[in-house]
Amino acid sequence: VLSELRLGLCSIGSEGITKLTETLKTTPTLRVLDISGSTVCHTAGKYLAQILSGGNLSELNISYCSIDSDTTCNLARALYDNSQLQDLWLRGNPVGEAGAEAI
């Protein structure tokens, strides 16, 4: 049973992260996800929001993933459905003012 996936600093491209997050959205046992240093495009950001709203993640590290303001706002909306998340790392992303306010 997959409960932790730590791929930090693996520099996974946007296509790889999109496929990974699409698959992980149906993994209810996942508690820890670290994809820091990878490229999260808009589509992957939507899948990440679905993973977050599933309510099982307790730790998410998406530092230095080129996450923009729109994606940050989507993630912030998903946080309303997740009472388990304890740690969220967003360092080094261009979240913008709207994204920062949403979080």
PDB file of N, CA and C in Angstrom:
ATOM      1  N   VAL A   1       0.845  -1.171   0.000  1.00  0.00           N
ATOM      2  CA  VAL A   1       0.000   0.000   0.000  1.00  0.00           C
ATOM      3  C   VAL A   1       0.893   1.236   0.000  1.00  0.00           C
ATOM      4  N   LEU A   2       0.710   2.089  -0.969  1.00  0.00           N
ATOM      5  CA  LEU A   2       1.520   3.300  -1.100  1.00  0.00           C
ATOM      6  C   LEU A   2       0.993   4.379  -0.154  1.00  0.00           C
ATOM      7  N   SER A   3       1.827   4.802   0.799  1.00  0.00           N
ATOM      8  CA  SER A   3       1.421   5.865   1.708  1.00  0.00           C
ATOM      9  C   SER A   3       2.334   7.092   1.599  1.00  0.00           C
ATOM     10  N   GLU A   4       3.563   6.896   1.107  1.00  0.00           N
ATOM     11  CA  GLU A   4       4.504   8.001   0.926  1.00  0.00           C
ATOM     12  C   GLU A   4       5.168   7.901  -0.429  1.00  0.00           C
ATOM     13  N   LEU A   5       5.250   9.050  -1.095  1.00  0.00           N
ATOM     14  CA  LEU A   5       5.964   9.117  -2.366  1.00  0.00           C
ATOM     15  C   LEU A   5       6.823  10.369  -2.325  1.00  0.00           C
ATOM     16  N   ARG A   6       8.124  10.178  -2.287  1.00  0.00           N
ATOM     17  CA  ARG A   6       9.071  11.292  -2.185  1.00  0.00           C
ATOM     18  C   ARG A   6       9.941  11.325  -3.441  1.00  0.00           C
ATOM     19  N   LEU A   7       9.603  12.260  -4.312  1.00  0.00           N
ATOM     20  CA  LEU A   7      10.332  12.423  -5.571  1.00  0.00           C
ATOM     21  C   LEU A   7      10.946  13.819  -5.662  1.00  0.00           C
ATOM     22  N   GLY A   8      11.228  14.407  -4.520  1.00  0.00           N
ATOM     23  CA  GLY A   8      11.808  15.743  -4.484  1.00  0.00           C
ATOM     24  C   GLY A   8      13.130  15.803  -5.228  1.00  0.00           C
ATOM     25  N   LEU A   9      13.328  16.896  -5.942  1.00  0.00           N
ATOM     26  CA  LEU A   9      14.554  17.182  -6.689  1.00  0.00           C
ATOM     27  C   LEU A   9      14.822  16.183  -7.805  1.00  0.00           C
ATOM     28  N   CYS A  10      13.780  15.541  -8.286  1.00  0.00           N
ATOM     29  CA  CYS A  10      13.927  14.616  -9.417  1.00  0.00           C
ATOM     30  C   CYS A  10      13.730  15.328 -10.752  1.00  0.00           C
ATOM     31  N   SER A  11      13.342  16.596 -10.699  1.00  0.00           N
ATOM     32  CA  SER A  11      13.150  17.415 -11.907  1.00  0.00           C
ATOM     33  C   SER A  11      12.253  16.739 -12.937  1.00  0.00           C
ATOM     34  N   ILE A  12      11.130  16.239 -12.483  1.00  0.00           N
ATOM     35  CA  ILE A  12      10.170  15.609 -13.391  1.00  0.00           C
ATOM     36  C   ILE A  12       9.477  16.708 -14.191  1.00  0.00           C
ATOM     37  N   GLY A  13       9.395  16.529 -15.480  1.00  0.00           N
ATOM     38  CA  GLY A  13       8.774  17.519 -16.358  1.00  0.00           C
ATOM     39  C   GLY A  13       7.266  17.556 -16.223  1.00  0.00           C
ATOM     40  N   SER A  14       6.649  18.528 -16.885  1.00  0.00           N
ATOM     41  CA  SER A  14       5.207  18.727 -16.742  1.00  0.00           C
ATOM     42  C   SER A  14       4.397  17.524 -17.209  1.00  0.00           C
ATOM     43  N   GLU A  15       4.822  16.857 -18.279  1.00  0.00           N
ATOM     44  CA  GLU A  15       4.084  15.687 -18.763  1.00  0.00           C
ATOM     45  C   GLU A  15       4.151  14.541 -17.756  1.00  0.00           C
ATOM     46  N   GLY A  16       5.319  14.308 -17.194  1.00  0.00           N
ATOM     47  CA  GLY A  16       5.479  13.244 -16.200  1.00  0.00           C
ATOM     48  C   GLY A  16       4.685  13.523 -14.939  1.00  0.00           C
ATOM     49  N   ILE A  17       4.715  14.771 -14.466  1.00  0.00           N
ATOM     50  CA  ILE A  17       3.963  15.134 -13.271  1.00  0.00           C
ATOM     51  C   ILE A  17       2.465  15.039 -13.532  1.00  0.00           C
ATOM     52  N   THR A  18       2.032  15.414 -14.737  1.00  0.00           N
ATOM     53  CA  THR A  18       0.607  15.303 -15.068  1.00  0.00           C
ATOM     54  C   THR A  18       0.167  13.847 -14.997  1.00  0.00           C
ATOM     55  N   LYS A  19       0.936  12.950 -15.591  1.00  0.00           N
ATOM     56  CA  LYS A  19       0.577  11.526 -15.557  1.00  0.00           C
ATOM     57  C   LYS A  19       0.625  10.973 -14.132  1.00  0.00           C
ATOM     58  N   LEU A  20       1.618  11.385 -13.379  1.00  0.00           N
ATOM     59  CA  LEU A  20       1.755  10.923 -12.000  1.00  0.00           C
ATOM     60  C   LEU A  20       0.570  11.379 -11.153  1.00  0.00           C
ATOM     61  N   THR A  21       0.239  12.663 -11.207  1.00  0.00           N
ATOM     62  CA  THR A  21      -0.858  13.178 -10.381  1.00  0.00           C
ATOM     63  C   THR A  21      -2.204  12.623 -10.829  1.00  0.00           C
ATOM     64  N   GLU A  22      -2.353  12.391 -12.125  1.00  0.00           N
ATOM     65  CA  GLU A  22      -3.597  11.785 -12.615  1.00  0.00           C
ATOM     66  C   GLU A  22      -3.786  10.396 -12.003  1.00  0.00           C
ATOM     67  N   THR A  23      -2.717   9.642 -11.919  1.00  0.00           N
ATOM     68  CA  THR A  23      -2.767   8.303 -11.332  1.00  0.00           C
ATOM     69  C   THR A  23      -2.975   8.370  -9.823  1.00  0.00           C
ATOM     70  N   LEU A  24      -2.291   9.272  -9.159  1.00  0.00           N
ATOM     71  CA  LEU A  24      -2.342   9.352  -7.702  1.00  0.00           C
ATOM     72  C   LEU A  24      -3.683   9.824  -7.163  1.00  0.00           C
ATOM     73  N   LYS A  25      -4.478  10.492  -7.993  1.00  0.00           N
ATOM     74  CA  LYS A  25      -5.768  10.979  -7.489  1.00  0.00           C
ATOM     75  C   LYS A  25      -6.697   9.830  -7.109  1.00  0.00           C
ATOM     76  N   THR A  26      -6.363   8.623  -7.548  1.00  0.00           N
ATOM     77  CA  THR A  26      -7.164   7.446  -7.186  1.00  0.00           C
ATOM     78  C   THR A  26      -6.419   6.546  -6.199  1.00  0.00           C
ATOM     79  N   THR A  27      -5.495   7.133  -5.442  1.00  0.00           N
ATOM     80  CA  THR A  27      -4.726   6.385  -4.444  1.00  0.00           C
ATOM     81  C   THR A  27      -5.102   6.912  -3.059  1.00  0.00           C
ATOM     82  N   PRO A  28      -6.135   6.353  -2.444  1.00  0.00           N
ATOM     83  CA  PRO A  28      -6.634   6.899  -1.176  1.00  0.00           C
ATOM     84  C   PRO A  28      -5.704   6.706   0.016  1.00  0.00           C
ATOM     85  N   THR A  29      -4.702   5.867  -0.124  1.00  0.00           N
ATOM     86  CA  THR A  29      -3.798   5.607   1.001  1.00  0.00           C
ATOM     87  C   THR A  29      -2.623   6.577   1.059  1.00  0.00           C
ATOM     88  N   LEU A  30      -2.457   7.416   0.037  1.00  0.00           N
ATOM     89  CA  LEU A  30      -1.320   8.336  -0.019  1.00  0.00           C
ATOM     90  C   LEU A  30      -1.452   9.414   1.056  1.00  0.00           C
ATOM     91  N   ARG A  31      -0.436   9.525   1.899  1.00  0.00           N
ATOM     92  CA  ARG A  31      -0.428  10.507   2.983  1.00  0.00           C
ATOM     93  C   ARG A  31       0.633  11.577   2.779  1.00  0.00           C
ATOM     94  N   VAL A  32       1.730  11.226   2.115  1.00  0.00           N
ATOM     95  CA  VAL A  32       2.851  12.152   1.929  1.00  0.00           C
ATOM     96  C   VAL A  32       3.223  12.183   0.452  1.00  0.00           C
ATOM     97  N   LEU A  33       3.276  13.388  -0.110  1.00  0.00           N
ATOM     98  CA  LEU A  33       3.685  13.552  -1.501  1.00  0.00           C
ATOM     99  C   LEU A  33       4.688  14.684  -1.593  1.00  0.00           C
ATOM    100  N   ASP A  34       5.863  14.373  -2.114  1.00  0.00           N
ATOM    101  CA  ASP A  34       6.920  15.362  -2.325  1.00  0.00           C
ATOM    102  C   ASP A  34       7.336  15.310  -3.786  1.00  0.00           C
ATOM    103  N   ILE A  35       6.957  16.339  -4.531  1.00  0.00           N
ATOM    104  CA  ILE A  35       7.366  16.447  -5.935  1.00  0.00           C
ATOM    105  C   ILE A  35       8.116  17.766  -6.142  1.00  0.00           C
ATOM    106  N   SER A  36       8.724  18.252  -5.087  1.00  0.00           N
ATOM    107  CA  SER A  36       9.442  19.523  -5.152  1.00  0.00           C
ATOM    108  C   SER A  36      10.503  19.503  -6.250  1.00  0.00           C
ATOM    109  N   GLY A  37      10.651  20.648  -6.891  1.00  0.00           N
ATOM    110  CA  GLY A  37      11.655  20.773  -7.940  1.00  0.00           C
ATOM    111  C   GLY A  37      11.212  20.254  -9.293  1.00  0.00           C
ATOM    112  N   SER A  38       9.949  19.862  -9.400  1.00  0.00           N
ATOM    113  CA  SER A  38       9.401  19.395 -10.677  1.00  0.00           C
ATOM    114  C   SER A  38       8.540  20.499 -11.282  1.00  0.00           C
ATOM    115  N   THR A  39       8.051  20.289 -12.474  1.00  0.00           N
ATOM    116  CA  THR A  39       7.241  21.299 -13.148  1.00  0.00           C
ATOM    117  C   THR A  39       5.771  20.907 -13.099  1.00  0.00           C
ATOM    118  N   VAL A  40       4.989  21.711 -12.397  1.00  0.00           N
ATOM    119  CA  VAL A  40       3.555  21.453 -12.283  1.00  0.00           C
ATOM    120  C   VAL A  40       2.829  22.418 -13.219  1.00  0.00           C
ATOM    121  N   CYS A  41       2.310  21.889 -14.318  1.00  0.00           N
ATOM    122  CA  CYS A  41       1.542  22.704 -15.257  1.00  0.00           C
ATOM    123  C   CYS A  41       0.108  22.828 -14.745  1.00  0.00           C
ATOM    124  N   HIS A  42      -0.723  23.550 -15.461  1.00  0.00           N
ATOM    125  CA  HIS A  42      -2.105  23.800 -15.042  1.00  0.00           C
ATOM    126  C   HIS A  42      -2.893  22.496 -14.868  1.00  0.00           C
ATOM    127  N   THR A  43      -2.751  21.558 -15.803  1.00  0.00           N
ATOM    128  CA  THR A  43      -3.486  20.290 -15.725  1.00  0.00           C
ATOM    129  C   THR A  43      -3.049  19.488 -14.505  1.00  0.00           C
ATOM    130  N   ALA A  44      -1.763  19.394 -14.275  1.00  0.00           N
ATOM    131  CA  ALA A  44      -1.262  18.679 -13.094  1.00  0.00           C
ATOM    132  C   ALA A  44      -1.741  19.364 -11.824  1.00  0.00           C
ATOM    133  N   GLY A  45      -1.832  20.679 -11.858  1.00  0.00           N
ATOM    134  CA  GLY A  45      -2.344  21.421 -10.707  1.00  0.00           C
ATOM    135  C   GLY A  45      -3.780  21.046 -10.387  1.00  0.00           C
ATOM    136  N   LYS A  46      -4.580  20.819 -11.414  1.00  0.00           N
ATOM    137  CA  LYS A  46      -5.969  20.379 -11.200  1.00  0.00           C
ATOM    138  C   LYS A  46      -5.995  19.004 -10.531  1.00  0.00           C
ATOM    139  N   TYR A  47      -5.127  18.112 -10.991  1.00  0.00           N
ATOM    140  CA  TYR A  47      -5.063  16.784 -10.376  1.00  0.00           C
ATOM    141  C   TYR A  47      -4.576  16.874  -8.933  1.00  0.00           C
ATOM    142  N   LEU A  48      -3.606  17.753  -8.673  1.00  0.00           N
ATOM    143  CA  LEU A  48      -3.136  17.953  -7.309  1.00  0.00           C
ATOM    144  C   LEU A  48      -4.278  18.438  -6.416  1.00  0.00           C
ATOM    145  N   ALA A  49      -5.092  19.342  -6.941  1.00  0.00           N
ATOM    146  CA  ALA A  49      -6.240  19.835  -6.177  1.00  0.00           C
ATOM    147  C   ALA A  49      -7.200  18.687  -5.866  1.00  0.00           C
ATOM    148  N   GLN A  50      -7.391  17.775  -6.810  1.00  0.00           N
ATOM    149  CA  GLN A  50      -8.256  16.621  -6.569  1.00  0.00           C
ATOM    150  C   GLN A  50      -7.656  15.714  -5.495  1.00  0.00           C
ATOM    151  N   ILE A  51      -6.347  15.537  -5.537  1.00  0.00           N
ATOM    152  CA  ILE A  51      -5.670  14.728  -4.511  1.00  0.00           C
ATOM    153  C   ILE A  51      -5.867  15.382  -3.142  1.00  0.00           C
ATOM    154  N   LEU A  52      -5.697  16.695  -3.079  1.00  0.00           N
ATOM    155  CA  LEU A  52      -5.873  17.418  -1.825  1.00  0.00           C
ATOM    156  C   LEU A  52      -7.302  17.326  -1.311  1.00  0.00           C
ATOM    157  N   SER A  53      -8.259  17.504  -2.203  1.00  0.00           N
ATOM    158  CA  SER A  53      -9.655  17.488  -1.761  1.00  0.00           C
ATOM    159  C   SER A  53     -10.107  16.090  -1.354  1.00  0.00           C
ATOM    160  N   GLY A  54      -9.336  15.066  -1.730  1.00  0.00           N
ATOM    161  CA  GLY A  54      -9.639  13.718  -1.280  1.00  0.00           C
ATOM    162  C   GLY A  54      -9.515  13.581   0.226  1.00  0.00           C
ATOM    163  N   GLY A  55      -8.801  14.518   0.844  1.00  0.00           N
ATOM    164  CA  GLY A  55      -8.746  14.604   2.285  1.00  0.00           C
ATOM    165  C   GLY A  55      -7.793  13.671   2.992  1.00  0.00           C
ATOM    166  N   ASN A  56      -6.918  12.965   2.274  1.00  0.00           N
ATOM    167  CA  ASN A  56      -6.038  12.000   2.922  1.00  0.00           C
ATOM    168  C   ASN A  56      -4.603  12.479   3.094  1.00  0.00           C
ATOM    169  N   LEU A  57      -4.163  13.435   2.296  1.00  0.00           N
ATOM    170  CA  LEU A  57      -2.775  13.905   2.405  1.00  0.00           C
ATOM    171  C   LEU A  57      -2.557  14.647   3.715  1.00  0.00           C
ATOM    172  N   SER A  58      -1.472  14.328   4.377  1.00  0.00           N
ATOM    173  CA  SER A  58      -1.095  15.067   5.579  1.00  0.00           C
ATOM    174  C   SER A  58       0.123  15.957   5.305  1.00  0.00           C
ATOM    175  N   GLU A  59       0.840  15.665   4.219  1.00  0.00           N
ATOM    176  CA  GLU A  59       2.048  16.425   3.886  1.00  0.00           C
ATOM    177  C   GLU A  59       2.173  16.544   2.372  1.00  0.00           C
ATOM    178  N   LEU A  60       2.347  17.785   1.891  1.00  0.00           N
ATOM    179  CA  LEU A  60       2.520  18.037   0.462  1.00  0.00           C
ATOM    180  C   LEU A  60       3.639  19.035   0.262  1.00  0.00           C
ATOM    181  N   ASN A  61       4.683  18.612  -0.440  1.00  0.00           N
ATOM    182  CA  ASN A  61       5.802  19.497  -0.751  1.00  0.00           C
ATOM    183  C   ASN A  61       5.816  19.747  -2.250  1.00  0.00           C
ATOM    184  N   ILE A  62       5.432  20.961  -2.615  1.00  0.00           N
ATOM    185  CA  ILE A  62       5.428  21.372  -4.022  1.00  0.00           C
ATOM    186  C   ILE A  62       6.273  22.638  -4.181  1.00  0.00           C
ATOM    187  N   SER A  63       7.361  22.700  -3.439  1.00  0.00           N
ATOM    188  CA  SER A  63       8.290  23.826  -3.538  1.00  0.00           C
ATOM    189  C   SER A  63       9.011  23.797  -4.888  1.00  0.00           C
ATOM    190  N   TYR A  64       9.239  24.982  -5.422  1.00  0.00           N
ATOM    191  CA  TYR A  64       9.991  25.140  -6.678  1.00  0.00           C
ATOM    192  C   TYR A  64       9.400  24.315  -7.823  1.00  0.00           C
ATOM    193  N   CYS A  65       8.081  24.396  -7.958  1.00  0.00           N
ATOM    194  CA  CYS A  65       7.381  23.640  -9.010  1.00  0.00           C
ATOM    195  C   CYS A  65       6.762  24.550 -10.072  1.00  0.00           C
ATOM    196  N   SER A  66       7.116  25.821 -10.077  1.00  0.00           N
ATOM    197  CA  SER A  66       6.587  26.786 -11.048  1.00  0.00           C
ATOM    198  C   SER A  66       5.065  26.906 -10.963  1.00  0.00           C
ATOM    199  N   ILE A  67       4.523  26.817  -9.762  1.00  0.00           N
ATOM    200  CA  ILE A  67       3.083  26.902  -9.564  1.00  0.00           C
ATOM    201  C   ILE A  67       2.664  28.362  -9.593  1.00  0.00           C
ATOM    202  N   ASP A  68       1.726  28.670 -10.489  1.00  0.00           N
ATOM    203  CA  ASP A  68       1.295  30.052 -10.666  1.00  0.00           C
ATOM    204  C   ASP A  68       0.110  30.392  -9.762  1.00  0.00           C
ATOM    205  N   SER A  69      -0.369  31.610  -9.896  1.00  0.00           N
ATOM    206  CA  SER A  69      -1.449  32.121  -9.070  1.00  0.00           C
ATOM    207  C   SER A  69      -2.741  31.322  -9.237  1.00  0.00           C
ATOM    208  N   ASP A  70      -3.124  31.017 -10.482  1.00  0.00           N
ATOM    209  CA  ASP A  70      -4.365  30.271 -10.733  1.00  0.00           C
ATOM    210  C   ASP A  70      -4.333  28.892 -10.086  1.00  0.00           C
ATOM    211  N   THR A  71      -3.226  28.196 -10.242  1.00  0.00           N
ATOM    212  CA  THR A  71      -3.095  26.864  -9.653  1.00  0.00           C
ATOM    213  C   THR A  71      -3.112  26.956  -8.131  1.00  0.00           C
ATOM    214  N   THR A  72      -2.467  27.963  -7.580  1.00  0.00           N
ATOM    215  CA  THR A  72      -2.470  28.153  -6.133  1.00  0.00           C
ATOM    216  C   THR A  72      -3.896  28.379  -5.625  1.00  0.00           C
ATOM    217  N   CYS A  73      -4.681  29.158  -6.353  1.00  0.00           N
ATOM    218  CA  CYS A  73      -6.080  29.393  -5.961  1.00  0.00           C
ATOM    219  C   CYS A  73      -6.879  28.090  -6.002  1.00  0.00           C
ATOM    220  N   ASN A  74      -6.641  27.247  -7.017  1.00  0.00           N
ATOM    221  CA  ASN A  74      -7.314  25.941  -7.086  1.00  0.00           C
ATOM    222  C   ASN A  74      -6.937  25.070  -5.896  1.00  0.00           C
ATOM    223  N   LEU A  75      -5.665  25.077  -5.543  1.00  0.00           N
ATOM    224  CA  LEU A  75      -5.207  24.295  -4.392  1.00  0.00           C
ATOM    225  C   LEU A  75      -5.822  24.816  -3.101  1.00  0.00           C
ATOM    226  N   ALA A  76      -5.930  26.123  -2.978  1.00  0.00           N
ATOM    227  CA  ALA A  76      -6.524  26.711  -1.778  1.00  0.00           C
ATOM    228  C   ALA A  76      -7.977  26.284  -1.617  1.00  0.00           C
ATOM    229  N   ARG A  77      -8.731  26.252  -2.714  1.00  0.00           N
ATOM    230  CA  ARG A  77     -10.126  25.785  -2.648  1.00  0.00           C
ATOM    231  C   ARG A  77     -10.189  24.325  -2.208  1.00  0.00           C
ATOM    232  N   ALA A  78      -9.243  23.531  -2.667  1.00  0.00           N
ATOM    233  CA  ALA A  78      -9.220  22.108  -2.302  1.00  0.00           C
ATOM    234  C   ALA A  78      -8.907  21.899  -0.826  1.00  0.00           C
ATOM    235  N   LEU A  79      -8.215  22.844  -0.215  1.00  0.00           N
ATOM    236  CA  LEU A  79      -7.870  22.715   1.200  1.00  0.00           C
ATOM    237  C   LEU A  79      -9.099  22.709   2.109  1.00  0.00           C
ATOM    238  N   TYR A  80     -10.192  23.288   1.641  1.00  0.00           N
ATOM    239  CA  TYR A  80     -11.418  23.281   2.446  1.00  0.00           C
ATOM    240  C   TYR A  80     -11.919  21.865   2.701  1.00  0.00           C
ATOM    241  N   ASP A  81     -11.614  20.951   1.775  1.00  0.00           N
ATOM    242  CA  ASP A  81     -12.085  19.573   1.890  1.00  0.00           C
ATOM    243  C   ASP A  81     -11.065  18.649   2.539  1.00  0.00           C
ATOM    244  N   ASN A  82      -9.941  19.192   2.965  1.00  0.00           N
ATOM    245  CA  ASN A  82      -8.885  18.354   3.522  1.00  0.00           C
ATOM    246  C   ASN A  82      -8.608  18.771   4.961  1.00  0.00           C
ATOM    247  N   SER A  83      -9.046  17.957   5.897  1.00  0.00           N
ATOM    248  CA  SER A  83      -8.805  18.261   7.309  1.00  0.00           C
ATOM    249  C   SER A  83      -7.551  17.572   7.832  1.00  0.00           C
ATOM    250  N   GLN A  84      -6.898  16.770   6.985  1.00  0.00           N
ATOM    251  CA  GLN A  84      -5.722  16.006   7.396  1.00  0.00           C
ATOM    252  C   GLN A  84      -4.402  16.727   7.132  1.00  0.00           C
ATOM    253  N   LEU A  85      -4.382  17.669   6.194  1.00  0.00           N
ATOM    254  CA  LEU A  85      -3.126  18.306   5.793  1.00  0.00           C
ATOM    255  C   LEU A  85      -2.510  19.086   6.952  1.00  0.00           C
ATOM    256  N   GLN A  86      -1.288  18.729   7.283  1.00  0.00           N
ATOM    257  CA  GLN A  86      -0.567  19.402   8.361  1.00  0.00           C
ATOM    258  C   GLN A  86       0.577  20.250   7.828  1.00  0.00           C
ATOM    259  N   ASP A  87       1.194  19.819   6.727  1.00  0.00           N
ATOM    260  CA  ASP A  87       2.343  20.523   6.169  1.00  0.00           C
ATOM    261  C   ASP A  87       2.166  20.754   4.680  1.00  0.00           C
ATOM    262  N   LEU A  88       2.305  22.020   4.278  1.00  0.00           N
ATOM    263  CA  LEU A  88       2.229  22.394   2.874  1.00  0.00           C
ATOM    264  C   LEU A  88       3.406  23.311   2.585  1.00  0.00           C
ATOM    265  N   TRP A  89       4.278  22.873   1.666  1.00  0.00           N
ATOM    266  CA  TRP A  89       5.432  23.669   1.269  1.00  0.00           C
ATOM    267  C   TRP A  89       5.198  24.218  -0.130  1.00  0.00           C
ATOM    268  N   LEU A  90       5.277  25.544  -0.240  1.00  0.00           N
ATOM    269  CA  LEU A  90       5.086  26.237  -1.519  1.00  0.00           C
ATOM    270  C   LEU A  90       6.275  27.127  -1.881  1.00  0.00           C
ATOM    271  N   ARG A  91       7.340  27.032  -1.152  1.00  0.00           N
ATOM    272  CA  ARG A  91       8.499  27.914  -1.337  1.00  0.00           C
ATOM    273  C   ARG A  91       8.980  27.924  -2.795  1.00  0.00           C
ATOM    274  N   GLY A  92       9.325  29.114  -3.262  1.00  0.00           N
ATOM    275  CA  GLY A  92       9.949  29.248  -4.568  1.00  0.00           C
ATOM    276  C   GLY A  92       8.996  29.176  -5.749  1.00  0.00           C
ATOM    277  N   ASN A  93       7.697  29.362  -5.506  1.00  0.00           N
ATOM    278  CA  ASN A  93       6.718  29.353  -6.592  1.00  0.00           C
ATOM    279  C   ASN A  93       6.202  30.767  -6.831  1.00  0.00           C
ATOM    280  N   PRO A  94       5.942  31.124  -8.087  1.00  0.00           N
ATOM    281  CA  PRO A  94       5.407  32.460  -8.383  1.00  0.00           C
ATOM    282  C   PRO A  94       3.897  32.518  -8.149  1.00  0.00           C
ATOM    283  N   VAL A  95       3.478  32.355  -6.884  1.00  0.00           N
ATOM    284  CA  VAL A  95       2.039  32.254  -6.578  1.00  0.00           C
ATOM    285  C   VAL A  95       1.307  33.564  -6.763  1.00  0.00           C
ATOM    286  N   GLY A  96       2.014  34.662  -6.736  1.00  0.00           N
ATOM    287  CA  GLY A  96       1.381  35.960  -6.935  1.00  0.00           C
ATOM    288  C   GLY A  96       0.558  36.377  -5.726  1.00  0.00           C
ATOM    289  N   GLU A  97       0.061  37.593  -5.779  1.00  0.00           N
ATOM    290  CA  GLU A  97      -0.701  38.150  -4.655  1.00  0.00           C
ATOM    291  C   GLU A  97      -2.027  37.415  -4.449  1.00  0.00           C
ATOM    292  N   ALA A  98      -2.734  37.120  -5.543  1.00  0.00           N
ATOM    293  CA  ALA A  98      -4.020  36.421  -5.430  1.00  0.00           C
ATOM    294  C   ALA A  98      -3.847  35.021  -4.853  1.00  0.00           C
ATOM    295  N   GLY A  99      -2.809  34.336  -5.278  1.00  0.00           N
ATOM    296  CA  GLY A  99      -2.537  32.998  -4.761  1.00  0.00           C
ATOM    297  C   GLY A  99      -2.178  33.013  -3.290  1.00  0.00           C
ATOM    298  N   ALA A 100      -1.369  33.996  -2.906  1.00  0.00           N
ATOM    299  CA  ALA A 100      -0.971  34.119  -1.500  1.00  0.00           C
ATOM    300  C   ALA A 100      -2.178  34.423  -0.621  1.00  0.00           C
ATOM    301  N   GLU A 101      -3.060  35.295  -1.094  1.00  0.00           N
ATOM    302  CA  GLU A 101      -4.271  35.611  -0.333  1.00  0.00           C
ATOM    303  C   GLU A 101      -5.199  34.408  -0.230  1.00  0.00           C
ATOM    304  N   ALA A 102      -5.279  33.617  -1.277  1.00  0.00           N
ATOM    305  CA  ALA A 102      -6.166  32.443  -1.276  1.00  0.00           C
ATOM    306  C   ALA A 102      -5.722  31.407  -0.265  1.00  0.00           C
ATOM    307  N   ILE A 103      -4.409  31.225  -0.152  1.00  0.00           N
ATOM    308  CA  ILE A 103      -3.876  30.242   0.807  1.00  0.00           C
ATOM    309  C   ILE A 103      -4.054  30.784   2.199  1.00  0.00           C
TER     310      ILE A 103
END
